[in-house]
């Protein structure tokens, strides 16, 4: 399993470039932290991997599939994305919200739900409507659903937002769990020291054209995928 960004350039208006010619590779079990100052393009990068922003040039590949060319209903099986600020106003119950992340609610998927519900300690929320939860509770539920979705790539935008230290540590354990399954995890955070033992690769975005990519203290670079 791999995720590759190959000379990716991103823009919201196709004029001013937020990110220019970004390239890197990730493989099964990799956990990448994206860091940088506010407004530098961190969330833009993970939105592009999620297929929500189409590159104006370059390619984003997941196991050879060009994310930009995949319909939304098929991307659902490749990549999951937990946004920073969950804004759910639906009265749907939490358990139903989690079940919607599965394909057919098979025994295997029910067990997966149970595993992450227990890991994130949201059992008492299962039969509550989403719209009555606090922001922190909504964030835990959203993260739980993202892990339950069981995709190849998991994207998290500031997973610690709205959570206290205790719950942040629960989330770290859940990220370790999905990484151990061979998923690729990409997350945005300003709190590098808190996650220092979690990620094995880091992308520092300095400007739209300047990036530092590190793996275990060393720079890492994309391989050339000539067949694409």
Foldseek 3Di string as FASTA:
>chain_A
DKKWWAQFWFDDVVPDTLAGGDIDMDWFLAEEEEEEDPPSCQVVVVCVLLLNTPTPDTFIDDVRDTSVPDDNVVSLQAEFEQEQFDDDQFQDALLVVLCVLDDPPDPVLVVLLVVLCVLLVVVVRRGGGLNVDDRQSNLSSSLSSQLSSLHQEYEYEASCPPHDPVSVVSSLVSLSVSSVVRHYYYYYDNCCVVCVVRGQKYWYRHHNYDIAIDGNRHGHGHDDPVVD
